[in-house]
Amino acid sequence: MTGGRPGVLPWLYYACGGTIPKHAQWVLHDLTCRTWLLRHALHSFIQCSPGFLLLLLPGSFPFLFYLPAIVVIGGVWVAMMFARDARNHRLYKHGFIPDLVLARNKR
C-alpha cells in the first residue's frame, strides 16, 4: 500500500469526512474490507462524540444523561442508514469508481 496507514491526525480528519490522497490505498482497504460497516460506525461515533460536551450543561441527572445519549445514538443511527451512500461517496472522493471497485471485490 502506498502511504500506509495514516497517523492519528490524518485519520481523525478522514473520520470526519476529509480526504487523505496520500493514503488512498489504505482508504480503499478501509472501505472495502469485511469490517467496513463497523469502521463506518466508529467514524460516525467520532463525529458525534462532541455531543458528550452536553454533559457540561447545568441540569438534573436524567437531562444530563439522556440528552448526550440521544445525540450520539441518533447521529450514529442516521449515519448507519446512509452507510452505503457514504462509502460510495468516499470512494469517489479518493479517485475510485465505486461500482467497479465493489464489483471487483465481490468476485
Protein backbone atom coordinates (compact mmCIF):
# COMPACT_ATOMS: atom_id res chain seq x y z
CA MET A 1 0.00 0.00 0.00
CA THR A 2 1.36 3.40 -0.88
CA GLY A 3 1.33 5.76 2.03
CA GLY A 4 0.48 3.03 4.54
CA ARG A 5 -1.81 3.56 7.48
CA PRO A 6 -2.43 7.23 8.35
CA GLY A 7 -1.40 8.73 11.66
CA VAL A 8 -3.83 9.90 14.31
CA LEU A 9 -4.50 13.40 12.97
CA PRO A 10 -4.97 12.36 9.32
CA TRP A 11 -7.23 9.53 10.49
CA LEU A 12 -9.36 11.93 12.54
CA TYR A 13 -9.57 14.22 9.51
CA TYR A 14 -10.63 11.23 7.38
CA ALA A 15 -13.12 10.04 10.02
CA CYS A 16 -14.77 13.46 9.90
CA GLY A 17 -15.17 13.31 6.12
CA GLY A 18 -11.88 14.68 4.80
CA THR A 19 -9.77 13.22 2.02
CA ILE A 20 -6.26 11.86 2.50
CA PRO A 21 -4.98 11.23 -1.06
CA LYS A 22 -1.56 10.16 0.24
CA HIS A 23 -3.26 7.15 1.85
CA ALA A 24 -5.69 6.32 -0.97
CA GLN A 25 -4.84 2.62 -0.98
CA TRP A 26 -5.46 2.39 2.76
CA VAL A 27 -8.80 4.18 2.24
CA LEU A 28 -9.67 1.63 -0.44
CA HIS A 29 -8.95 -1.17 2.04
CA ASP A 30 -10.88 0.65 4.78
CA LEU A 31 -13.98 0.97 2.59
CA THR A 32 -13.95 -2.48 1.00
CA CYS A 33 -12.79 -4.84 3.74
CA ARG A 34 -15.13 -7.20 5.55
CA THR A 35 -15.47 -4.88 8.56
CA TRP A 36 -16.19 -1.67 6.64
CA LEU A 37 -19.57 -1.24 8.32
CA LEU A 38 -18.07 -1.42 11.81
CA ARG A 39 -15.41 1.06 10.74
CA HIS A 40 -18.12 3.37 9.43
CA ALA A 41 -19.92 3.12 12.78
CA LEU A 42 -16.68 4.12 14.53
CA HIS A 43 -16.24 7.11 12.20
CA SER A 44 -19.81 8.15 12.92
CA PHE A 45 -19.29 7.81 16.65
CA ILE A 46 -16.17 10.00 16.42
CA GLN A 47 -18.19 12.64 14.56
CA CYS A 48 -20.96 12.56 17.19
CA SER A 49 -18.69 12.41 20.23
CA PRO A 50 -18.72 16.20 20.78
CA GLY A 51 -22.31 15.54 21.88
CA PHE A 52 -20.78 14.45 25.17
CA LEU A 53 -19.93 18.11 25.76
CA LEU A 54 -23.61 18.48 26.59
CA LEU A 55 -22.69 16.90 29.93
CA LEU A 56 -21.23 20.27 30.89
CA LEU A 57 -24.65 21.92 30.80
CA PRO A 58 -26.35 22.60 34.12
CA GLY A 59 -29.31 20.38 34.84
CA SER A 60 -30.60 17.32 36.57
CA PHE A 61 -29.11 13.85 36.15
CA PRO A 62 -31.74 12.47 33.73
CA PHE A 63 -31.32 15.52 31.49
CA LEU A 64 -27.52 15.25 31.55
CA PHE A 65 -27.65 11.53 30.80
CA TYR A 66 -30.34 11.31 28.14
CA LEU A 67 -29.54 14.38 26.04
CA PRO A 68 -25.99 13.30 25.02
CA ALA A 69 -27.21 9.72 24.60
CA ILE A 70 -29.93 10.83 22.21
CA VAL A 71 -27.49 13.00 20.25
CA VAL A 72 -24.86 10.26 19.87
CA ILE A 73 -27.21 7.32 19.30
CA GLY A 74 -29.34 9.34 16.89
CA GLY A 75 -26.31 10.52 14.93
CA VAL A 76 -24.85 7.04 14.59
CA TRP A 77 -28.29 5.65 13.67
CA VAL A 78 -28.71 8.13 10.81
CA ALA A 79 -25.13 7.55 9.64
CA MET A 80 -25.73 3.80 9.51
CA MET A 81 -28.88 4.30 7.42
CA PHE A 82 -26.80 6.04 4.76
CA ALA A 83 -23.64 3.93 5.16
CA ARG A 84 -23.56 2.59 1.59
CA ASP A 85 -24.03 6.04 0.09
CA ALA A 86 -21.32 7.45 2.34
CA ARG A 87 -18.95 4.64 1.34
CA ASN A 88 -19.57 5.26 -2.35
CA HIS A 89 -19.01 8.99 -1.86
CA ARG A 90 -15.72 8.44 -0.01
CA LEU A 91 -14.52 6.05 -2.70
CA TYR A 92 -15.35 8.64 -5.37
CA LYS A 93 -13.63 11.45 -3.42
CA HIS A 94 -10.44 9.39 -3.28
CA GLY A 95 -10.42 8.74 -7.02
CA PHE A 96 -12.06 5.32 -7.23
CA ILE A 97 -15.16 4.36 -9.21
CA PRO A 98 -17.43 2.75 -6.59
CA ASP A 99 -19.29 0.37 -8.91
CA LEU A 100 -16.07 -1.03 -10.38
CA VAL A 101 -14.31 -1.37 -7.04
CA LEU A 102 -17.24 -3.07 -5.33
CA ALA A 103 -17.90 -5.38 -8.31
CA ARG A 104 -14.24 -6.44 -8.30
CA ASN A 105 -14.38 -7.26 -4.59
CA LYS A 106 -17.47 -9.46 -4.95
CA ARG A 107 -15.56 -11.97 -7.08
